[in-house]
Full PDB file with SEQRES, HELIX, SHEET, SSBOND, CRYST1, ORIGX, SCALE, CONECT and MASTER records, all heavy atoms in Angstrom:
SEQRES   1 A   39  ARG VAL LEU ALA THR GLY SER TYR VAL PRO ASP GLN ILE          
SEQRES   2 A   39  VAL THR ASN GLU ASP LEU ALA GLU LEU GLY CYS ASP SER          
SEQRES   3 A   39  ASP TRP ILE VAL ARG ARG THR GLY ILE LEU ARG ARG ARG          
HELIX    1 AA1 GLU A   17  LEU A   22  5                                   6    
HELIX    2 AA2 SER A   26  THR A   33  1                                   8    
SHEET    1 AA1 2 VAL A  14  THR A  15  0                                        
SHEET    2 AA1 2 ARG A  37  ARG A  38 -1                                        
CRYST1    1.000    1.000    1.000  90.00  90.00  90.00 P 1           1          
ORIGX1      1.000000  0.000000  0.000000        0.00000                         
ORIGX2      0.000000  1.000000  0.000000        0.00000                         
ORIGX3      0.000000  0.000000  1.000000        0.00000                         
SCALE1      1.000000  0.000000  0.000000        0.00000                         
SCALE2      0.000000  1.000000  0.000000        0.00000                         
SCALE3      0.000000  0.000000  1.000000        0.00000                         
ATOM      1  N   ARG A   1       3.828  16.516  12.589  1.00  0.00           N  
ATOM      2  CA  ARG A   1       4.798  15.474  12.171  1.00  0.00           C  
ATOM      3  C   ARG A   1       4.117  14.129  12.074  1.00  0.00           C  
ATOM      4  O   ARG A   1       3.047  13.885  12.649  1.00  0.00           O  
ATOM      5  CB  ARG A   1       5.965  15.386  13.179  1.00  0.00           C  
ATOM      6  CG  ARG A   1       5.567  14.889  14.538  1.00  0.00           C  
ATOM      7  CD  ARG A   1       6.778  14.643  15.427  1.00  0.00           C  
ATOM      8  NE  ARG A   1       7.678  13.624  14.864  1.00  0.00           N  
ATOM      9  CZ  ARG A   1       8.580  12.983  15.597  1.00  0.00           C  
ATOM     10  NH1 ARG A   1       8.746  13.228  16.878  1.00  0.00           N  
ATOM     11  NH2 ARG A   1       9.327  12.060  15.052  1.00  0.00           N  
ATOM     12  N   VAL A   2       4.735  13.266  11.279  1.00  0.00           N  
ATOM     13  CA  VAL A   2       4.331  11.860  11.238  1.00  0.00           C  
ATOM     14  C   VAL A   2       5.090  11.124  12.347  1.00  0.00           C  
ATOM     15  O   VAL A   2       6.317  10.983  12.223  1.00  0.00           O  
ATOM     16  CB  VAL A   2       4.609  11.232   9.861  1.00  0.00           C  
ATOM     17  CG1 VAL A   2       4.300   9.720   9.898  1.00  0.00           C  
ATOM     18  CG2 VAL A   2       3.775  11.883   8.780  1.00  0.00           C  
ATOM     19  N   LEU A   3       4.398  10.731  13.377  1.00  0.00           N  
ATOM     20  CA  LEU A   3       5.039  10.093  14.483  1.00  0.00           C  
ATOM     21  C   LEU A   3       5.436   8.647  14.156  1.00  0.00           C  
ATOM     22  O   LEU A   3       6.510   8.165  14.583  1.00  0.00           O  
ATOM     23  CB  LEU A   3       4.118  10.137  15.693  1.00  0.00           C  
ATOM     24  CG  LEU A   3       4.656   9.475  17.000  1.00  0.00           C  
ATOM     25  CD1 LEU A   3       5.859  10.210  17.499  1.00  0.00           C  
ATOM     26  CD2 LEU A   3       3.556   9.460  18.064  1.00  0.00           C  
ATOM     27  N   ALA A   4       4.599   7.993  13.428  1.00  0.00           N  
ATOM     28  CA  ALA A   4       4.859   6.575  13.125  1.00  0.00           C  
ATOM     29  C   ALA A   4       4.020   6.133  11.906  1.00  0.00           C  
ATOM     30  O   ALA A   4       3.034   6.832  11.550  1.00  0.00           O  
ATOM     31  CB  ALA A   4       4.558   5.683  14.295  1.00  0.00           C  
ATOM     32  N   THR A   5       4.380   5.025  11.328  1.00  0.00           N  
ATOM     33  CA  THR A   5       3.701   4.450  10.188  1.00  0.00           C  
ATOM     34  C   THR A   5       3.354   2.987  10.512  1.00  0.00           C  
ATOM     35  O   THR A   5       3.912   2.377  11.409  1.00  0.00           O  
ATOM     36  CB  THR A   5       4.518   4.518   8.905  1.00  0.00           C  
ATOM     37  OG1 THR A   5       5.727   3.743   9.127  1.00  0.00           O  
ATOM     38  CG2 THR A   5       4.862   5.937   8.558  1.00  0.00           C  
ATOM     39  N   GLY A   6       2.462   2.441   9.684  1.00  0.00           N  
ATOM     40  CA  GLY A   6       2.136   1.000   9.799  1.00  0.00           C  
ATOM     41  C   GLY A   6       1.382   0.573   8.596  1.00  0.00           C  
ATOM     42  O   GLY A   6       0.752   1.459   7.873  1.00  0.00           O  
ATOM     43  N   SER A   7       1.326  -0.680   8.314  1.00  0.00           N  
ATOM     44  CA  SER A   7       0.571  -1.126   7.113  1.00  0.00           C  
ATOM     45  C   SER A   7       0.191  -2.600   7.263  1.00  0.00           C  
ATOM     46  O   SER A   7       0.700  -3.311   8.131  1.00  0.00           O  
ATOM     47  CB  SER A   7       1.393  -0.955   5.847  1.00  0.00           C  
ATOM     48  OG  SER A   7       2.603  -1.708   5.856  1.00  0.00           O  
ATOM     49  N   TYR A   8      -0.739  -2.978   6.422  1.00  0.00           N  
ATOM     50  CA  TYR A   8      -1.182  -4.428   6.410  1.00  0.00           C  
ATOM     51  C   TYR A   8      -1.595  -4.773   5.003  1.00  0.00           C  
ATOM     52  O   TYR A   8      -2.287  -4.003   4.307  1.00  0.00           O  
ATOM     53  CB  TYR A   8      -2.346  -4.628   7.346  1.00  0.00           C  
ATOM     54  CG  TYR A   8      -2.943  -6.042   7.265  1.00  0.00           C  
ATOM     55  CD1 TYR A   8      -2.304  -7.090   7.862  1.00  0.00           C  
ATOM     56  CD2 TYR A   8      -4.094  -6.230   6.504  1.00  0.00           C  
ATOM     57  CE1 TYR A   8      -2.844  -8.357   7.719  1.00  0.00           C  
ATOM     58  CE2 TYR A   8      -4.634  -7.513   6.420  1.00  0.00           C  
ATOM     59  CZ  TYR A   8      -3.987  -8.549   6.992  1.00  0.00           C  
ATOM     60  OH  TYR A   8      -4.519  -9.847   6.896  1.00  0.00           O  
ATOM     61  N   VAL A   9      -1.157  -5.949   4.519  1.00  0.00           N  
ATOM     62  CA  VAL A   9      -1.615  -6.508   3.281  1.00  0.00           C  
ATOM     63  C   VAL A   9      -2.093  -7.929   3.534  1.00  0.00           C  
ATOM     64  O   VAL A   9      -1.596  -8.619   4.397  1.00  0.00           O  
ATOM     65  CB  VAL A   9      -0.499  -6.475   2.198  1.00  0.00           C  
ATOM     66  CG1 VAL A   9      -0.085  -5.097   1.824  1.00  0.00           C  
ATOM     67  CG2 VAL A   9       0.708  -7.310   2.704  1.00  0.00           C  
ATOM     68  N   PRO A  10      -3.182  -8.368   2.805  1.00  0.00           N  
ATOM     69  CA  PRO A  10      -3.714  -9.662   3.024  1.00  0.00           C  
ATOM     70  C   PRO A  10      -2.652 -10.737   2.663  1.00  0.00           C  
ATOM     71  O   PRO A  10      -1.649 -10.505   1.962  1.00  0.00           O  
ATOM     72  CB  PRO A  10      -4.878  -9.750   2.020  1.00  0.00           C  
ATOM     73  CG  PRO A  10      -5.237  -8.288   1.785  1.00  0.00           C  
ATOM     74  CD  PRO A  10      -3.942  -7.543   1.853  1.00  0.00           C  
ATOM     75  N   ASP A  11      -2.907 -11.959   3.163  1.00  0.00           N  
ATOM     76  CA  ASP A  11      -1.932 -13.039   2.975  1.00  0.00           C  
ATOM     77  C   ASP A  11      -1.868 -13.543   1.561  1.00  0.00           C  
ATOM     78  O   ASP A  11      -0.826 -13.956   1.080  1.00  0.00           O  
ATOM     79  CB  ASP A  11      -2.286 -14.240   3.892  1.00  0.00           C  
ATOM     80  CG  ASP A  11      -2.119 -13.900   5.349  1.00  0.00           C  
ATOM     81  OD1 ASP A  11      -1.290 -13.004   5.665  1.00  0.00           O  
ATOM     82  OD2 ASP A  11      -2.776 -14.503   6.224  1.00  0.00           O  
ATOM     83  N   GLN A  12      -3.025 -13.550   0.850  1.00  0.00           N  
ATOM     84  CA  GLN A  12      -3.036 -14.183  -0.477  1.00  0.00           C  
ATOM     85  C   GLN A  12      -2.294 -13.326  -1.477  1.00  0.00           C  
ATOM     86  O   GLN A  12      -2.576 -12.178  -1.718  1.00  0.00           O  
ATOM     87  CB  GLN A  12      -4.478 -14.353  -0.971  1.00  0.00           C  
ATOM     88  CG  GLN A  12      -4.563 -15.088  -2.288  1.00  0.00           C  
ATOM     89  CD  GLN A  12      -5.991 -15.169  -2.837  1.00  0.00           C  
ATOM     90  OE1 GLN A  12      -6.887 -14.625  -2.288  1.00  0.00           O  
ATOM     91  NE2 GLN A  12      -6.128 -15.934  -3.940  1.00  0.00           N  
ATOM     92  N   ILE A  13      -1.313 -13.977  -2.142  1.00  0.00           N  
ATOM     93  CA  ILE A  13      -0.512 -13.361  -3.192  1.00  0.00           C  
ATOM     94  C   ILE A  13      -1.037 -13.901  -4.517  1.00  0.00           C  
ATOM     95  O   ILE A  13      -1.116 -15.131  -4.758  1.00  0.00           O  
ATOM     96  CB  ILE A  13       0.978 -13.656  -3.031  1.00  0.00           C  
ATOM     97  CG1 ILE A  13       1.476 -13.108  -1.745  1.00  0.00           C  
ATOM     98  CG2 ILE A  13       1.751 -13.094  -4.226  1.00  0.00           C  
ATOM     99  CD1 ILE A  13       2.941 -13.484  -1.426  1.00  0.00           C  
ATOM    100  N   VAL A  14      -1.362 -13.003  -5.415  1.00  0.00           N  
ATOM    101  CA  VAL A  14      -1.850 -13.382  -6.785  1.00  0.00           C  
ATOM    102  C   VAL A  14      -0.770 -12.939  -7.785  1.00  0.00           C  
ATOM    103  O   VAL A  14      -0.561 -11.717  -7.938  1.00  0.00           O  
ATOM    104  CB  VAL A  14      -3.185 -12.757  -7.133  1.00  0.00           C  
ATOM    105  CG1 VAL A  14      -3.635 -13.152  -8.527  1.00  0.00           C  
ATOM    106  CG2 VAL A  14      -4.255 -13.141  -6.065  1.00  0.00           C  
ATOM    107  N   THR A  15      -0.097 -13.880  -8.417  1.00  0.00           N  
ATOM    108  CA  THR A  15       0.915 -13.509  -9.419  1.00  0.00           C  
ATOM    109  C   THR A  15       0.297 -13.332 -10.770  1.00  0.00           C  
ATOM    110  O   THR A  15      -0.866 -13.714 -11.050  1.00  0.00           O  
ATOM    111  CB  THR A  15       1.991 -14.623  -9.491  1.00  0.00           C  
ATOM    112  OG1 THR A  15       1.367 -15.820 -10.041  1.00  0.00           O  
ATOM    113  CG2 THR A  15       2.554 -14.943  -8.112  1.00  0.00           C  
ATOM    114  N   ASN A  16       1.068 -12.766 -11.681  1.00  0.00           N  
ATOM    115  CA  ASN A  16       0.584 -12.625 -13.031  1.00  0.00           C  
ATOM    116  C   ASN A  16       0.272 -13.979 -13.675  1.00  0.00           C  
ATOM    117  O   ASN A  16      -0.658 -14.121 -14.465  1.00  0.00           O  
ATOM    118  CB  ASN A  16       1.613 -11.892 -13.893  1.00  0.00           C  
ATOM    119  CG  ASN A  16       1.787 -10.443 -13.483  1.00  0.00           C  
ATOM    120  OD1 ASN A  16       0.958  -9.879 -12.805  1.00  0.00           O  
ATOM    121  ND2 ASN A  16       2.899  -9.855 -13.917  1.00  0.00           N  
ATOM    122  N   GLU A  17       1.074 -14.970 -13.350  1.00  0.00           N  
ATOM    123  CA  GLU A  17       0.862 -16.295 -13.851  1.00  0.00           C  
ATOM    124  C   GLU A  17      -0.456 -16.889 -13.357  1.00  0.00           C  
ATOM    125  O   GLU A  17      -1.114 -17.640 -14.061  1.00  0.00           O  
ATOM    126  CB  GLU A  17       2.037 -17.237 -13.466  1.00  0.00           C  
ATOM    127  CG  GLU A  17       3.351 -16.897 -14.202  1.00  0.00           C  
ATOM    128  CD  GLU A  17       3.954 -15.608 -13.689  1.00  0.00           C  
ATOM    129  OE1 GLU A  17       3.721 -15.229 -12.510  1.00  0.00           O  
ATOM    130  OE2 GLU A  17       4.736 -15.018 -14.459  1.00  0.00           O  
ATOM    131  N   ASP A  18      -0.839 -16.519 -12.127  1.00  0.00           N  
ATOM    132  CA  ASP A  18      -2.143 -16.973 -11.593  1.00  0.00           C  
ATOM    133  C   ASP A  18      -3.310 -16.456 -12.398  1.00  0.00           C  
ATOM    134  O   ASP A  18      -4.371 -17.055 -12.405  1.00  0.00           O  
ATOM    135  CB  ASP A  18      -2.286 -16.551 -10.127  1.00  0.00           C  
ATOM    136  CG  ASP A  18      -1.292 -17.242  -9.220  1.00  0.00           C  
ATOM    137  OD1 ASP A  18      -0.871 -18.385  -9.504  1.00  0.00           O  
ATOM    138  OD2 ASP A  18      -0.932 -16.630  -8.190  1.00  0.00           O  
ATOM    139  N   LEU A  19      -3.095 -15.303 -13.032  1.00  0.00           N  
ATOM    140  CA  LEU A  19      -4.220 -14.680 -13.762  1.00  0.00           C  
ATOM    141  C   LEU A  19      -4.319 -15.181 -15.229  1.00  0.00           C  
ATOM    142  O   LEU A  19      -5.230 -14.755 -15.929  1.00  0.00           O  
ATOM    143  CB  LEU A  19      -4.020 -13.193 -13.782  1.00  0.00           C  
ATOM    144  CG  LEU A  19      -4.062 -12.493 -12.420  1.00  0.00           C  
ATOM    145  CD1 LEU A  19      -3.797 -10.983 -12.564  1.00  0.00           C  
ATOM    146  CD2 LEU A  19      -5.384 -12.699 -11.706  1.00  0.00           C  
ATOM    147  N   ALA A  20      -3.393 -16.049 -15.617  1.00  0.00           N  
ATOM    148  CA  ALA A  20      -3.392 -16.556 -16.991  1.00  0.00           C  
ATOM    149  C   ALA A  20      -4.632 -17.289 -17.345  1.00  0.00           C  
ATOM    150  O   ALA A  20      -5.168 -17.196 -18.441  1.00  0.00           O  
ATOM    151  CB  ALA A  20      -2.176 -17.473 -17.229  1.00  0.00           C  
ATOM    152  N   GLU A  21      -5.248 -17.963 -16.327  1.00  0.00           N  
ATOM    153  CA  GLU A  21      -6.454 -18.718 -16.582  1.00  0.00           C  
ATOM    154  C   GLU A  21      -7.627 -17.797 -16.905  1.00  0.00           C  
ATOM    155  O   GLU A  21      -8.632 -18.269 -17.440  1.00  0.00           O  
ATOM    156  CB  GLU A  21      -6.772 -19.585 -15.356  1.00  0.00           C  
ATOM    157  CG  GLU A  21      -7.097 -18.818 -14.092  1.00  0.00           C  
ATOM    158  CD  GLU A  21      -7.274 -19.745 -12.893  1.00  0.00           C  
ATOM    159  OE1 GLU A  21      -6.546 -20.743 -12.771  1.00  0.00           O  
ATOM    160  OE2 GLU A  21      -8.176 -19.457 -12.108  1.00  0.00           O  
ATOM    161  N   LEU A  22      -7.518 -16.509 -16.556  1.00  0.00           N  
ATOM    162  CA  LEU A  22      -8.563 -15.553 -16.907  1.00  0.00           C  
ATOM    163  C   LEU A  22      -8.341 -14.945 -18.285  1.00  0.00           C  
ATOM    164  O   LEU A  22      -9.129 -14.122 -18.751  1.00  0.00           O  
ATOM    165  CB  LEU A  22      -8.635 -14.414 -15.839  1.00  0.00           C  
ATOM    166  CG  LEU A  22      -8.944 -14.838 -14.400  1.00  0.00           C  
ATOM    167  CD1 LEU A  22      -8.836 -13.634 -13.486  1.00  0.00           C  
ATOM    168  CD2 LEU A  22     -10.304 -15.511 -14.324  1.00  0.00           C  
ATOM    169  N   GLY A  23      -7.232 -15.319 -18.914  1.00  0.00           N  
ATOM    170  CA  GLY A  23      -6.899 -14.768 -20.223  1.00  0.00           C  
ATOM    171  C   GLY A  23      -5.963 -13.601 -20.174  1.00  0.00           C  
ATOM    172  O   GLY A  23      -5.727 -12.954 -21.209  1.00  0.00           O  
ATOM    173  N   CYS A  24      -5.401 -13.332 -18.976  1.00  0.00           N  
ATOM    174  CA  CYS A  24      -4.486 -12.200 -18.839  1.00  0.00           C  
ATOM    175  C   CYS A  24      -3.123 -12.628 -19.338  1.00  0.00           C  
ATOM    176  O   CYS A  24      -2.630 -13.713 -19.158  1.00  0.00           O  
ATOM    177  CB  CYS A  24      -4.397 -11.765 -17.378  1.00  0.00           C  
ATOM    178  SG  CYS A  24      -5.977 -11.256 -16.670  1.00  0.00           S  
ATOM    179  N   ASP A  25      -2.420 -11.671 -19.983  1.00  0.00           N  
ATOM    180  CA  ASP A  25      -1.113 -11.881 -20.535  1.00  0.00           C  
ATOM    181  C   ASP A  25      -0.060 -11.291 -19.575  1.00  0.00           C  
ATOM    182  O   ASP A  25       0.032 -10.124 -19.353  1.00  0.00           O  
ATOM    183  CB  ASP A  25      -1.037 -11.150 -21.917  1.00  0.00           C  
ATOM    184  CG  ASP A  25       0.319 -11.413 -22.596  1.00  0.00           C  
ATOM    185  OD1 ASP A  25       1.321 -11.652 -21.918  1.00  0.00           O  
ATOM    186  OD2 ASP A  25       0.342 -11.343 -23.865  1.00  0.00           O  
ATOM    187  N   SER A  26       0.714 -12.202 -18.973  1.00  0.00           N  
ATOM    188  CA  SER A  26       1.702 -11.812 -17.955  1.00  0.00           C  
ATOM    189  C   SER A  26       2.688 -10.799 -18.528  1.00  0.00           C  
ATOM    190  O   SER A  26       3.058  -9.807 -17.836  1.00  0.00           O  
ATOM    191  CB  SER A  26       2.441 -13.021 -17.369  1.00  0.00           C  
ATOM    192  OG  SER A  26       3.416 -12.661 -16.504  1.00  0.00           O  
ATOM    193  N   ASP A  27       3.186 -11.070 -19.710  1.00  0.00           N  
ATOM    194  CA  ASP A  27       4.195 -10.136 -20.312  1.00  0.00           C  
ATOM    195  C   ASP A  27       3.576  -8.770 -20.573  1.00  0.00           C  
ATOM    196  O   ASP A  27       4.233  -7.753 -20.363  1.00  0.00           O  
ATOM    197  CB  ASP A  27       4.702 -10.723 -21.650  1.00  0.00           C  
ATOM    198  CG  ASP A  27       5.539 -11.970 -21.449  1.00  0.00           C  
ATOM    199  OD1 ASP A  27       6.085 -12.133 -20.325  1.00  0.00           O  
ATOM    200  OD2 ASP A  27       5.676 -12.742 -22.374  1.00  0.00           O  
ATOM    201  N   TRP A  28       2.335  -8.721 -20.983  1.00  0.00           N  
ATOM    202  CA  TRP A  28       1.657  -7.450 -21.193  1.00  0.00           C  
ATOM    203  C   TRP A  28       1.566  -6.698 -19.900  1.00  0.00           C  
ATOM    204  O   TRP A  28       1.791  -5.482 -19.841  1.00  0.00           O  
ATOM    205  CB  TRP A  28       0.282  -7.692 -21.832  1.00  0.00           C  
ATOM    206  CG  TRP A  28      -0.452  -6.372 -22.064  1.00  0.00           C  
ATOM    207  CD1 TRP A  28      -0.493  -5.645 -23.224  1.00  0.00           C  
ATOM    208  CD2 TRP A  28      -1.314  -5.663 -21.153  1.00  0.00           C  
ATOM    209  NE1 TRP A  28      -1.273  -4.510 -23.088  1.00  0.00           N  
ATOM    210  CE2 TRP A  28      -1.796  -4.499 -21.823  1.00  0.00           C  
ATOM    211  CE3 TRP A  28      -1.716  -5.874 -19.826  1.00  0.00           C  
ATOM    212  CZ2 TRP A  28      -2.643  -3.552 -21.228  1.00  0.00           C  
ATOM    213  CZ3 TRP A  28      -2.558  -4.940 -19.218  1.00  0.00           C  
ATOM    214  CH2 TRP A  28      -3.014  -3.813 -19.920  1.00  0.00           C  
ATOM    215  N   ILE A  29       1.176  -7.376 -18.831  1.00  0.00           N  
ATOM    216  CA  ILE A  29       1.014  -6.688 -17.528  1.00  0.00           C  
ATOM    217  C   ILE A  29       2.327  -6.100 -17.092  1.00  0.00           C  
ATOM    218  O   ILE A  29       2.392  -4.936 -16.673  1.00  0.00           O  
ATOM    219  CB  ILE A  29       0.549  -7.706 -16.453  1.00  0.00           C  
ATOM    220  CG1 ILE A  29      -0.841  -8.253 -16.843  1.00  0.00           C  
ATOM    221  CG2 ILE A  29       0.466  -7.079 -15.075  1.00  0.00           C  
ATOM    222  CD1 ILE A  29      -1.283  -9.422 -15.947  1.00  0.00           C  
ATOM    223  N   VAL A  30       3.424  -6.789 -17.179  1.00  0.00           N  
ATOM    224  CA  VAL A  30       4.728  -6.278 -16.766  1.00  0.00           C  
ATOM    225  C   VAL A  30       5.140  -5.142 -17.671  1.00  0.00           C  
ATOM    226  O   VAL A  30       5.613  -4.105 -17.200  1.00  0.00           O  
ATOM    227  CB  VAL A  30       5.773  -7.425 -16.764  1.00  0.00           C  
ATOM    228  CG1 VAL A  30       7.163  -6.846 -16.426  1.00  0.00           C  
ATOM    229  CG2 VAL A  30       5.409  -8.503 -15.819  1.00  0.00           C  
ATOM    230  N   ARG A  31       4.977  -5.352 -18.972  1.00  0.00           N  
ATOM    231  CA  ARG A  31       5.458  -4.320 -19.895  1.00  0.00           C  
ATOM    232  C   ARG A  31       4.679  -3.032 -19.771  1.00  0.00           C  
ATOM    233  O   ARG A  31       5.258  -1.938 -19.820  1.00  0.00           O  
ATOM    234  CB  ARG A  31       5.318  -4.862 -21.304  1.00  0.00           C  
ATOM    235  CG  ARG A  31       5.946  -3.946 -22.406  1.00  0.00           C  
ATOM    236  CD  ARG A  31       5.920  -4.640 -23.738  1.00  0.00           C  
ATOM    237  NE  ARG A  31       4.588  -4.924 -24.247  1.00  0.00           N  
ATOM    238  CZ  ARG A  31       4.003  -6.102 -24.287  1.00  0.00           C  
ATOM    239  NH1 ARG A  31       4.659  -7.192 -23.854  1.00  0.00           N  
ATOM    240  NH2 ARG A  31       2.752  -6.289 -24.752  1.00  0.00           N  
ATOM    241  N   ARG A  32       3.383  -3.126 -19.560  1.00  0.00           N  
ATOM    242  CA  ARG A  32       2.542  -1.921 -19.577  1.00  0.00           C  
ATOM    243  C   ARG A  32       2.398  -1.294 -18.167  1.00  0.00           C  
ATOM    244  O   ARG A  32       2.094  -0.083 -18.047  1.00  0.00           O  
ATOM    245  CB  ARG A  32       1.162  -2.290 -20.053  1.00  0.00           C  
ATOM    246  CG  ARG A  32       1.113  -2.794 -21.468  1.00  0.00           C  
ATOM    247  CD  ARG A  32       1.432  -1.748 -22.481  1.00  0.00           C  
ATOM    248  NE  ARG A  32       0.386  -0.714 -22.571  1.00  0.00           N  
ATOM    249  CZ  ARG A  32       0.431   0.322 -23.425  1.00  0.00           C  
ATOM    250  NH1 ARG A  32       1.478   0.465 -24.204  1.00  0.00           N  
ATOM    251  NH2 ARG A  32      -0.552   1.208 -23.438  1.00  0.00           N  
ATOM    252  N   THR A  33       2.642  -2.055 -17.073  1.00  0.00           N  
ATOM    253  CA  THR A  33       2.381  -1.538 -15.755  1.00  0.00           C  
ATOM    254  C   THR A  33       3.532  -1.724 -14.781  1.00  0.00           C  
ATOM    255  O   THR A  33       3.645  -0.951 -13.798  1.00  0.00           O  
ATOM    256  CB  THR A  33       1.145  -2.237 -15.145  1.00  0.00           C  
ATOM    257  OG1 THR A  33       1.468  -3.570 -14.804  1.00  0.00           O  
ATOM    258  CG2 THR A  33      -0.043  -2.195 -16.084  1.00  0.00           C  
ATOM    259  N   GLY A  34       4.382  -2.741 -14.971  1.00  0.00           N  
ATOM    260  CA  GLY A  34       5.441  -3.010 -14.037  1.00  0.00           C  
ATOM    261  C   GLY A  34       5.004  -3.889 -12.824  1.00  0.00           C  
ATOM    262  O   GLY A  34       5.806  -4.164 -11.969  1.00  0.00           O  
ATOM    263  N   ILE A  35       3.750  -4.333 -12.856  1.00  0.00           N  
ATOM    264  CA  ILE A  35       3.234  -5.134 -11.750  1.00  0.00           C  
ATOM    265  C   ILE A  35       3.548  -6.605 -11.893  1.00  0.00           C  
ATOM    266  O   ILE A  35       3.356  -7.168 -12.988  1.00  0.00           O  
ATOM    267  CB  ILE A  35       1.693  -4.946 -11.605  1.00  0.00           C  
ATOM    268  CG1 ILE A  35       1.336  -3.469 -11.396  1.00  0.00           C  
ATOM    269  CG2 ILE A  35       1.121  -5.803 -10.513  1.00  0.00           C  
ATOM    270  CD1 ILE A  35      -0.112  -3.165 -11.533  1.00  0.00           C  
ATOM    271  N   LEU A  36       4.073  -7.237 -10.849  1.00  0.00           N  
ATOM    272  CA  LEU A  36       4.430  -8.625 -10.870  1.00  0.00           C  
ATOM    273  C   LEU A  36       3.429  -9.460 -10.081  1.00  0.00           C  
ATOM    274  O   LEU A  36       3.132 -10.606 -10.382  1.00  0.00           O  
ATOM    275  CB  LEU A  36       5.829  -8.870 -10.304  1.00  0.00           C  
ATOM    276  CG  LEU A  36       6.990  -8.186 -11.026  1.00  0.00           C  
ATOM    277  CD1 LEU A  36       8.277  -8.417 -10.290  1.00  0.00           C  
ATOM    278  CD2 LEU A  36       7.075  -8.673 -12.467  1.00  0.00           C  
ATOM    279  N   ARG A  37       2.912  -8.897  -8.993  1.00  0.00           N  
ATOM    280  CA  ARG A  37       1.963  -9.589  -8.126  1.00  0.00           C  
ATOM    281  C   ARG A  37       1.135  -8.542  -7.372  1.00  0.00           C  
ATOM    282  O   ARG A  37       1.471  -7.391  -7.359  1.00  0.00           O  
ATOM    283  CB  ARG A  37       2.700 -10.544  -7.168  1.00  0.00           C  
ATOM    284  CG  ARG A  37       3.751  -9.875  -6.307  1.00  0.00           C  
ATOM    285  CD  ARG A  37       4.639 -10.870  -5.616  1.00  0.00           C  
ATOM    286  NE  ARG A  37       5.445 -11.605  -6.578  1.00  0.00           N  
ATOM    287  CZ  ARG A  37       6.637 -11.252  -7.050  1.00  0.00           C  
ATOM    288  NH1 ARG A  37       7.130 -10.085  -6.655  1.00  0.00           N  
ATOM    289  NH2 ARG A  37       7.297 -11.964  -7.901  1.00  0.00           N  
ATOM    290  N   ARG A  38       0.093  -9.002  -6.711  1.00  0.00           N  
ATOM    291  CA  ARG A  38      -0.736  -8.161  -5.904  1.00  0.00           C  
ATOM    292  C   ARG A  38      -1.388  -9.008  -4.843  1.00  0.00           C  
ATOM    293  O   ARG A  38      -1.328 -10.241  -4.869  1.00  0.00           O  
ATOM    294  CB  ARG A  38      -1.827  -7.460  -6.758  1.00  0.00           C  
ATOM    295  CG  ARG A  38      -2.992  -8.289  -7.250  1.00  0.00           C  
ATOM    296  CD  ARG A  38      -2.604  -9.176  -8.421  1.00  0.00           C  
ATOM    297  NE  ARG A  38      -2.239  -8.461  -9.630  1.00  0.00           N  
ATOM    298  CZ  ARG A  38      -1.347  -8.931 -10.481  1.00  0.00           C  
ATOM    299  NH1 ARG A  38      -0.751 -10.111 -10.320  1.00  0.00           N  
ATOM    300  NH2 ARG A  38      -1.001  -8.273 -11.568  1.00  0.00           N  
ATOM    301  N   ARG A  39      -1.994  -8.384  -3.821  1.00  0.00           N  
ATOM    302  CA  ARG A  39      -2.651  -9.073  -2.705  1.00  0.00           C  
ATOM    303  C   ARG A  39      -4.125  -9.047  -2.867  1.00  0.00           C  
ATOM    304  O   ARG A  39      -4.665  -8.066  -3.384  1.00  0.00           O  
ATOM    305  CB  ARG A  39      -2.226  -8.475  -1.367  1.00  0.00           C  
ATOM    306  CG  ARG A  39      -0.710  -8.507  -1.071  1.00  0.00           C  
ATOM    307  CD  ARG A  39      -0.169  -9.919  -1.002  1.00  0.00           C  
ATOM    308  NE  ARG A  39       1.244  -9.909  -0.693  1.00  0.00           N  
ATOM    309  CZ  ARG A  39       1.790 -10.168   0.467  1.00  0.00           C  
ATOM    310  NH1 ARG A  39       1.001 -10.472   1.491  1.00  0.00           N  
ATOM    311  NH2 ARG A  39       3.108 -10.108   0.628  1.00  0.00           N  
TER     312      ARG A  39                                                      
MASTER        0    0    0    2    2    0    0    6  311    1    0    3          
END                                                                             
């Protein structure tokens, strides 16, 4: 059995808008993947 669970994600949140300076298209990311942000 799984007795318990736990998780950890880093503090820094990177939004799609944060990636715009790299040339990433926020609308494309959401439309093609469903991702809004990541750590």
